[in-house]
Amino acid sequence: MGFTAAYERKKNIINQKLEALLTKQNKCPALLVESVKYSLLAGGKRLRPILLLSSNELFEDNNQSAIYIAAAIEMIHTYS
């Protein structure tokens, strides 16, 4: 798999996880959730979480546990 294809695949994985985490039923006001979605899902390179997933692949066969950490990194980056 080429670099561009791998990058896009990981970017899609991160975007799907972020969307799933934000649409989970939670106790946050709807307006707050919509505001967070607007900022977090507006698009972007997702470089930091992709680097984390790529690094994880050097040591693990799958990224299931690392996806949550990658999503958290992207959330912190967007917040800051």
PDB file of N, CA and C in Angstrom:
ATOM      1  N   MET A   1       0.848  -1.175   0.000  1.00  0.00           N
ATOM      2  CA  MET A   1       0.000   0.000   0.000  1.00  0.00           C
ATOM      3  C   MET A   1       0.890   1.234   0.000  1.00  0.00           C
ATOM      4  N   GLY A   2       0.590   2.179  -0.872  1.00  0.00           N
ATOM      5  CA  GLY A   2       1.375   3.392  -0.970  1.00  0.00           C
ATOM      6  C   GLY A   2       1.112   4.359   0.172  1.00  0.00           C
ATOM      7  N   PHE A   3       1.972   5.356   0.259  1.00  0.00           N
ATOM      8  CA  PHE A   3       1.872   6.333   1.346  1.00  0.00           C
ATOM      9  C   PHE A   3       0.520   7.042   1.351  1.00  0.00           C
ATOM     10  N   THR A   4       0.097   7.536   0.196  1.00  0.00           N
ATOM     11  CA  THR A   4      -1.147   8.303   0.121  1.00  0.00           C
ATOM     12  C   THR A   4      -2.345   7.454   0.520  1.00  0.00           C
ATOM     13  N   ALA A   5      -2.392   6.230   0.058  1.00  0.00           N
ATOM     14  CA  ALA A   5      -3.501   5.335   0.401  1.00  0.00           C
ATOM     15  C   ALA A   5      -3.513   5.022   1.898  1.00  0.00           C
ATOM     16  N   ALA A   6      -2.341   4.760   2.464  1.00  0.00           N
ATOM     17  CA  ALA A   6      -2.247   4.470   3.899  1.00  0.00           C
ATOM     18  C   ALA A   6      -2.642   5.692   4.716  1.00  0.00           C
ATOM     19  N   TYR A   7      -2.194   6.862   4.288  1.00  0.00           N
ATOM     20  CA  TYR A   7      -2.529   8.115   4.978  1.00  0.00           C
ATOM     21  C   TYR A   7      -4.044   8.330   4.974  1.00  0.00           C
ATOM     22  N   GLU A   8      -4.676   8.186   3.824  1.00  0.00           N
ATOM     23  CA  GLU A   8      -6.118   8.393   3.711  1.00  0.00           C
ATOM     24  C   GLU A   8      -6.895   7.351   4.512  1.00  0.00           C
ATOM     25  N   ARG A   9      -6.415   6.113   4.515  1.00  0.00           N
ATOM     26  CA  ARG A   9      -7.082   5.062   5.284  1.00  0.00           C
ATOM     27  C   ARG A   9      -7.065   5.393   6.772  1.00  0.00           C
ATOM     28  N   LYS A  10      -5.905   5.806   7.266  1.00  0.00           N
ATOM     29  CA  LYS A  10      -5.793   6.162   8.690  1.00  0.00           C
ATOM     30  C   LYS A  10      -6.598   7.414   9.007  1.00  0.00           C
ATOM     31  N   LYS A  11      -6.607   8.366   8.097  1.00  0.00           N
ATOM     32  CA  LYS A  11      -7.386   9.586   8.301  1.00  0.00           C
ATOM     33  C   LYS A  11      -8.869   9.247   8.414  1.00  0.00           C
ATOM     34  N   ASN A  12      -9.347   8.345   7.579  1.00  0.00           N
ATOM     35  CA  ASN A  12     -10.748   7.920   7.642  1.00  0.00           C
ATOM     36  C   ASN A  12     -11.060   7.199   8.946  1.00  0.00           C
ATOM     37  N   ILE A  13     -10.139   6.380   9.406  1.00  0.00           N
ATOM     38  CA  ILE A  13     -10.326   5.676  10.679  1.00  0.00           C
ATOM     39  C   ILE A  13     -10.470   6.681  11.818  1.00  0.00           C
ATOM     40  N   ILE A  14      -9.583   7.673  11.846  1.00  0.00           N
ATOM     41  CA  ILE A  14      -9.634   8.699  12.894  1.00  0.00           C
ATOM     42  C   ILE A  14     -10.937   9.476  12.808  1.00  0.00           C
ATOM     43  N   ASN A  15     -11.316   9.897  11.614  1.00  0.00           N
ATOM     44  CA  ASN A  15     -12.556  10.664  11.455  1.00  0.00           C
ATOM     45  C   ASN A  15     -13.774   9.860  11.909  1.00  0.00           C
ATOM     46  N   GLN A  16     -13.807   8.586  11.578  1.00  0.00           N
ATOM     47  CA  GLN A  16     -14.929   7.740  11.997  1.00  0.00           C
ATOM     48  C   GLN A  16     -14.972   7.594  13.519  1.00  0.00           C
ATOM     49  N   LYS A  17     -13.809   7.439  14.143  1.00  0.00           N
ATOM     50  CA  LYS A  17     -13.771   7.298  15.605  1.00  0.00           C
ATOM     51  C   LYS A  17     -14.185   8.602  16.282  1.00  0.00           C
ATOM     52  N   LEU A  18     -13.734   9.734  15.766  1.00  0.00           N
ATOM     53  CA  LEU A  18     -14.127  11.016  16.347  1.00  0.00           C
ATOM     54  C   LEU A  18     -15.637  11.213  16.248  1.00  0.00           C
ATOM     55  N   GLU A  19     -16.179  10.909  15.093  1.00  0.00           N
ATOM     56  CA  GLU A  19     -17.634  11.031  14.896  1.00  0.00           C
ATOM     57  C   GLU A  19     -18.381  10.110  15.850  1.00  0.00           C
ATOM     58  N   ALA A  20     -17.909   8.884  15.990  1.00  0.00           N
ATOM     59  CA  ALA A  20     -18.563   7.923  16.887  1.00  0.00           C
ATOM     60  C   ALA A  20     -18.511   8.388  18.341  1.00  0.00           C
ATOM     61  N   LEU A  21     -17.374   8.917  18.750  1.00  0.00           N
ATOM     62  CA  LEU A  21     -17.238   9.381  20.125  1.00  0.00           C
ATOM     63  C   LEU A  21     -18.141  10.580  20.402  1.00  0.00           C
ATOM     64  N   LEU A  22     -18.315  11.421  19.415  1.00  0.00           N
ATOM     65  CA  LEU A  22     -19.149  12.609  19.616  1.00  0.00           C
ATOM     66  C   LEU A  22     -20.637  12.315  19.520  1.00  0.00           C
ATOM     67  N   THR A  23     -21.007  11.231  18.875  1.00  0.00           N
ATOM     68  CA  THR A  23     -22.424  10.926  18.749  1.00  0.00           C
ATOM     69  C   THR A  23     -22.900   9.952  19.822  1.00  0.00           C
ATOM     70  N   LYS A  24     -21.985   9.481  20.657  1.00  0.00           N
ATOM     71  CA  LYS A  24     -22.389   8.631  21.771  1.00  0.00           C
ATOM     72  C   LYS A  24     -23.328   9.426  22.671  1.00  0.00           C
ATOM     73  N   GLN A  25     -24.243   8.724  23.275  1.00  0.00           N
ATOM     74  CA  GLN A  25     -25.161   9.395  24.183  1.00  0.00           C
ATOM     75  C   GLN A  25     -24.363   9.892  25.386  1.00  0.00           C
ATOM     76  N   ASN A  26     -24.482  11.170  25.657  1.00  0.00           N
ATOM     77  CA  ASN A  26     -23.778  11.738  26.797  1.00  0.00           C
ATOM     78  C   ASN A  26     -24.657  12.787  27.460  1.00  0.00           C
ATOM     79  N   LYS A  27     -24.167  13.336  28.539  1.00  0.00           N
ATOM     80  CA  LYS A  27     -24.954  14.287  29.315  1.00  0.00           C
ATOM     81  C   LYS A  27     -24.646  15.734  28.948  1.00  0.00           C
ATOM     82  N   CYS A  28     -23.865  15.940  27.916  1.00  0.00           N
ATOM     83  CA  CYS A  28     -23.520  17.302  27.495  1.00  0.00           C
ATOM     84  C   CYS A  28     -24.721  17.932  26.786  1.00  0.00           C
ATOM     85  N   PRO A  29     -24.876  19.236  26.959  1.00  0.00           N
ATOM     86  CA  PRO A  29     -25.945  19.922  26.225  1.00  0.00           C
ATOM     87  C   PRO A  29     -25.727  19.790  24.712  1.00  0.00           C
ATOM     88  N   ALA A  30     -26.817  19.678  23.987  1.00  0.00           N
ATOM     89  CA  ALA A  30     -26.745  19.481  22.531  1.00  0.00           C
ATOM     90  C   ALA A  30     -25.971  20.601  21.844  1.00  0.00           C
ATOM     91  N   LEU A  31     -26.153  21.822  22.304  1.00  0.00           N
ATOM     92  CA  LEU A  31     -25.449  22.950  21.690  1.00  0.00           C
ATOM     93  C   LEU A  31     -23.939  22.816  21.858  1.00  0.00           C
ATOM     94  N   LEU A  32     -23.504  22.331  23.012  1.00  0.00           N
ATOM     95  CA  LEU A  32     -22.077  22.122  23.242  1.00  0.00           C
ATOM     96  C   LEU A  32     -21.538  21.039  22.322  1.00  0.00           C
ATOM     97  N   VAL A  33     -22.277  19.939  22.188  1.00  0.00           N
ATOM     98  CA  VAL A  33     -21.847  18.846  21.314  1.00  0.00           C
ATOM     99  C   VAL A  33     -21.747  19.330  19.874  1.00  0.00           C
ATOM    100  N   GLU A  34     -22.719  20.102  19.425  1.00  0.00           N
ATOM    101  CA  GLU A  34     -22.689  20.634  18.061  1.00  0.00           C
ATOM    102  C   GLU A  34     -21.507  21.578  17.860  1.00  0.00           C
ATOM    103  N   SER A  35     -21.190  22.372  18.862  1.00  0.00           N
ATOM    104  CA  SER A  35     -20.040  23.281  18.767  1.00  0.00           C
ATOM    105  C   SER A  35     -18.732  22.516  18.656  1.00  0.00           C
ATOM    106  N   VAL A  36     -18.603  21.459  19.458  1.00  0.00           N
ATOM    107  CA  VAL A  36     -17.398  20.629  19.417  1.00  0.00           C
ATOM    108  C   VAL A  36     -17.285  19.940  18.058  1.00  0.00           C
ATOM    109  N   LYS A  37     -18.411  19.400  17.570  1.00  0.00           N
ATOM    110  CA  LYS A  37     -18.406  18.752  16.252  1.00  0.00           C
ATOM    111  C   LYS A  37     -17.978  19.728  15.165  1.00  0.00           C
ATOM    112  N   TYR A  38     -18.476  20.934  15.228  1.00  0.00           N
ATOM    113  CA  TYR A  38     -18.145  21.938  14.218  1.00  0.00           C
ATOM    114  C   TYR A  38     -16.640  22.155  14.151  1.00  0.00           C
ATOM    115  N   SER A  39     -16.027  22.272  15.314  1.00  0.00           N
ATOM    116  CA  SER A  39     -14.589  22.534  15.359  1.00  0.00           C
ATOM    117  C   SER A  39     -13.763  21.287  15.052  1.00  0.00           C
ATOM    118  N   LEU A  40     -14.133  20.178  15.641  1.00  0.00           N
ATOM    119  CA  LEU A  40     -13.324  18.965  15.531  1.00  0.00           C
ATOM    120  C   LEU A  40     -13.464  18.273  14.180  1.00  0.00           C
ATOM    121  N   LEU A  41     -14.645  18.300  13.608  1.00  0.00           N
ATOM    122  CA  LEU A  41     -14.888  17.574  12.362  1.00  0.00           C
ATOM    123  C   LEU A  41     -14.820  18.464  11.132  1.00  0.00           C
ATOM    124  N   ALA A  42     -14.317  19.669  11.293  1.00  0.00           N
ATOM    125  CA  ALA A  42     -14.244  20.607  10.172  1.00  0.00           C
ATOM    126  C   ALA A  42     -13.230  20.166   9.116  1.00  0.00           C
ATOM    127  N   GLY A  43     -12.479  19.166   9.420  1.00  0.00           N
ATOM    128  CA  GLY A  43     -11.467  18.696   8.474  1.00  0.00           C
ATOM    129  C   GLY A  43     -10.083  19.059   8.961  1.00  0.00           C
ATOM    130  N   GLY A  44      -9.141  18.519   8.332  1.00  0.00           N
ATOM    131  CA  GLY A  44      -7.767  18.780   8.738  1.00  0.00           C
ATOM    132  C   GLY A  44      -6.882  17.634   8.299  1.00  0.00           C
ATOM    133  N   LYS A  45      -5.633  17.808   8.538  1.00  0.00           N
ATOM    134  CA  LYS A  45      -4.666  16.818   8.081  1.00  0.00           C
ATOM    135  C   LYS A  45      -4.634  15.581   8.969  1.00  0.00           C
ATOM    136  N   ARG A  46      -4.969  15.747  10.253  1.00  0.00           N
ATOM    137  CA  ARG A  46      -4.941  14.638  11.220  1.00  0.00           C
ATOM    138  C   ARG A  46      -3.542  14.032  11.340  1.00  0.00           C
ATOM    139  N   LEU A  47      -2.545  14.872  11.203  1.00  0.00           N
ATOM    140  CA  LEU A  47      -1.162  14.397  11.188  1.00  0.00           C
ATOM    141  C   LEU A  47      -0.758  13.735  12.507  1.00  0.00           C
ATOM    142  N   ARG A  48      -1.074  14.346  13.625  1.00  0.00           N
ATOM    143  CA  ARG A  48      -0.650  13.804  14.913  1.00  0.00           C
ATOM    144  C   ARG A  48      -1.214  12.406  15.176  1.00  0.00           C
ATOM    145  N   PRO A  49      -2.538  12.212  15.029  1.00  0.00           N
ATOM    146  CA  PRO A  49      -3.032  10.854  15.274  1.00  0.00           C
ATOM    147  C   PRO A  49      -2.551   9.838  14.240  1.00  0.00           C
ATOM    148  N   ILE A  50      -2.331  10.274  13.018  1.00  0.00           N
ATOM    149  CA  ILE A  50      -1.816   9.347  12.000  1.00  0.00           C
ATOM    150  C   ILE A  50      -0.397   8.921  12.348  1.00  0.00           C
ATOM    151  N   LEU A  51       0.409   9.835  12.848  1.00  0.00           N
ATOM    152  CA  LEU A  51       1.760   9.475  13.285  1.00  0.00           C
ATOM    153  C   LEU A  51       1.709   8.477  14.438  1.00  0.00           C
ATOM    154  N   LEU A  52       0.763   8.677  15.356  1.00  0.00           N
ATOM    155  CA  LEU A  52       0.628   7.742  16.468  1.00  0.00           C
ATOM    156  C   LEU A  52       0.236   6.359  15.960  1.00  0.00           C
ATOM    157  N   LEU A  53      -0.744   6.280  15.064  1.00  0.00           N
ATOM    158  CA  LEU A  53      -1.152   4.977  14.527  1.00  0.00           C
ATOM    159  C   LEU A  53      -0.019   4.316  13.754  1.00  0.00           C
ATOM    160  N   SER A  54       0.713   5.096  12.995  1.00  0.00           N
ATOM    161  CA  SER A  54       1.838   4.545  12.228  1.00  0.00           C
ATOM    162  C   SER A  54       2.931   4.023  13.150  1.00  0.00           C
ATOM    163  N   SER A  55       3.206   4.758  14.217  1.00  0.00           N
ATOM    164  CA  SER A  55       4.206   4.309  15.190  1.00  0.00           C
ATOM    165  C   SER A  55       3.745   3.037  15.882  1.00  0.00           C
ATOM    166  N   ASN A  56       2.462   3.000  16.224  1.00  0.00           N
ATOM    167  CA  ASN A  56       1.911   1.809  16.875  1.00  0.00           C
ATOM    168  C   ASN A  56       2.034   0.575  15.990  1.00  0.00           C
ATOM    169  N   GLU A  57       1.867   0.747  14.691  1.00  0.00           N
ATOM    170  CA  GLU A  57       1.954  -0.378  13.758  1.00  0.00           C
ATOM    171  C   GLU A  57       3.348  -0.998  13.701  1.00  0.00           C
ATOM    172  N   LEU A  58       4.358  -0.264  14.155  1.00  0.00           N
ATOM    173  CA  LEU A  58       5.701  -0.836  14.209  1.00  0.00           C
ATOM    174  C   LEU A  58       5.797  -1.943  15.260  1.00  0.00           C
ATOM    175  N   PHE A  59       4.909  -1.869  16.283  1.00  0.00           N
ATOM    176  CA  PHE A  59       4.998  -2.798  17.404  1.00  0.00           C
ATOM    177  C   PHE A  59       3.778  -3.706  17.562  1.00  0.00           C
ATOM    178  N   GLU A  60       2.651  -3.305  17.012  1.00  0.00           N
ATOM    179  CA  GLU A  60       1.409  -4.060  17.163  1.00  0.00           C
ATOM    180  C   GLU A  60       0.821  -4.379  15.796  1.00  0.00           C
ATOM    181  N   ASP A  61       0.062  -5.455  15.737  1.00  0.00           N
ATOM    182  CA  ASP A  61      -0.577  -5.832  14.482  1.00  0.00           C
ATOM    183  C   ASP A  61      -1.832  -5.020  14.194  1.00  0.00           C
ATOM    184  N   ASN A  62      -2.512  -4.558  15.238  1.00  0.00           N
ATOM    185  CA  ASN A  62      -3.710  -3.757  15.004  1.00  0.00           C
ATOM    186  C   ASN A  62      -3.679  -2.485  15.842  1.00  0.00           C
ATOM    187  N   ASN A  63      -4.537  -1.561  15.467  1.00  0.00           N
ATOM    188  CA  ASN A  63      -4.552  -0.243  16.113  1.00  0.00           C
ATOM    189  C   ASN A  63      -5.785  -0.028  16.982  1.00  0.00           C
ATOM    190  N   GLN A  64      -6.482  -1.104  17.338  1.00  0.00           N
ATOM    191  CA  GLN A  64      -7.753  -0.930  18.046  1.00  0.00           C
ATOM    192  C   GLN A  64      -7.604  -0.145  19.347  1.00  0.00           C
ATOM    193  N   SER A  65      -6.614  -0.434  20.146  1.00  0.00           N
ATOM    194  CA  SER A  65      -6.453   0.302  21.402  1.00  0.00           C
ATOM    195  C   SER A  65      -5.837   1.682  21.178  1.00  0.00           C
ATOM    196  N   ALA A  66      -5.019   1.804  20.155  1.00  0.00           N
ATOM    197  CA  ALA A  66      -4.351   3.085  19.886  1.00  0.00           C
ATOM    198  C   ALA A  66      -5.289   4.112  19.255  1.00  0.00           C
ATOM    199  N   ILE A  67      -6.395   3.658  18.672  1.00  0.00           N
ATOM    200  CA  ILE A  67      -7.313   4.591  18.021  1.00  0.00           C
ATOM    201  C   ILE A  67      -7.886   5.576  19.035  1.00  0.00           C
ATOM    202  N   TYR A  68      -8.179   5.102  20.237  1.00  0.00           N
ATOM    203  CA  TYR A  68      -8.720   5.992  21.260  1.00  0.00           C
ATOM    204  C   TYR A  68      -7.697   7.055  21.664  1.00  0.00           C
ATOM    205  N   ILE A  69      -6.454   6.655  21.764  1.00  0.00           N
ATOM    206  CA  ILE A  69      -5.390   7.611  22.107  1.00  0.00           C
ATOM    207  C   ILE A  69      -5.212   8.609  20.965  1.00  0.00           C
ATOM    208  N   ALA A  70      -5.243   8.121  19.744  1.00  0.00           N
ATOM    209  CA  ALA A  70      -5.112   9.007  18.583  1.00  0.00           C
ATOM    210  C   ALA A  70      -6.258  10.017  18.541  1.00  0.00           C
ATOM    211  N   ALA A  71      -7.463   9.568  18.841  1.00  0.00           N
ATOM    212  CA  ALA A  71      -8.614  10.479  18.866  1.00  0.00           C
ATOM    213  C   ALA A  71      -8.444  11.515  19.976  1.00  0.00           C
ATOM    214  N   ALA A  72      -7.954  11.092  21.119  1.00  0.00           N
ATOM    215  CA  ALA A  72      -7.724  12.025  22.223  1.00  0.00           C
ATOM    216  C   ALA A  72      -6.678  13.076  21.846  1.00  0.00           C
ATOM    217  N   ILE A  73      -5.629  12.654  21.178  1.00  0.00           N
ATOM    218  CA  ILE A  73      -4.595  13.601  20.737  1.00  0.00           C
ATOM    219  C   ILE A  73      -5.197  14.638  19.797  1.00  0.00           C
ATOM    220  N   GLU A  74      -6.046  14.208  18.880  1.00  0.00           N
ATOM    221  CA  GLU A  74      -6.664  15.145  17.943  1.00  0.00           C
ATOM    222  C   GLU A  74      -7.617  16.091  18.668  1.00  0.00           C
ATOM    223  N   MET A  75      -8.321  15.585  19.655  1.00  0.00           N
ATOM    224  CA  MET A  75      -9.214  16.441  20.444  1.00  0.00           C
ATOM    225  C   MET A  75      -8.435  17.506  21.201  1.00  0.00           C
ATOM    226  N   ILE A  76      -7.328  17.099  21.823  1.00  0.00           N
ATOM    227  CA  ILE A  76      -6.501  18.064  22.546  1.00  0.00           C
ATOM    228  C   ILE A  76      -5.909  19.082  21.589  1.00  0.00           C
ATOM    229  N   HIS A  77      -5.438  18.641  20.441  1.00  0.00           N
ATOM    230  CA  HIS A  77      -4.874  19.560  19.446  1.00  0.00           C
ATOM    231  C   HIS A  77      -5.929  20.569  18.991  1.00  0.00           C
ATOM    232  N   THR A  78      -7.132  20.097  18.722  1.00  0.00           N
ATOM    233  CA  THR A  78      -8.198  21.000  18.274  1.00  0.00           C
ATOM    234  C   THR A  78      -8.562  21.976  19.381  1.00  0.00           C
ATOM    235  N   TYR A  79      -8.610  21.513  20.601  1.00  0.00           N
ATOM    236  CA  TYR A  79      -8.947  22.370  21.730  1.00  0.00           C
ATOM    237  C   TYR A  79      -7.919  23.474  21.916  1.00  0.00           C
ATOM    238  N   SER A  80      -6.661  23.115  21.761  1.00  0.00           N
ATOM    239  CA  SER A  80      -5.600  24.094  22.026  1.00  0.00           C
ATOM    240  C   SER A  80      -5.443  25.043  20.865  1.00  0.00           C
TER     241      SER A  80
END
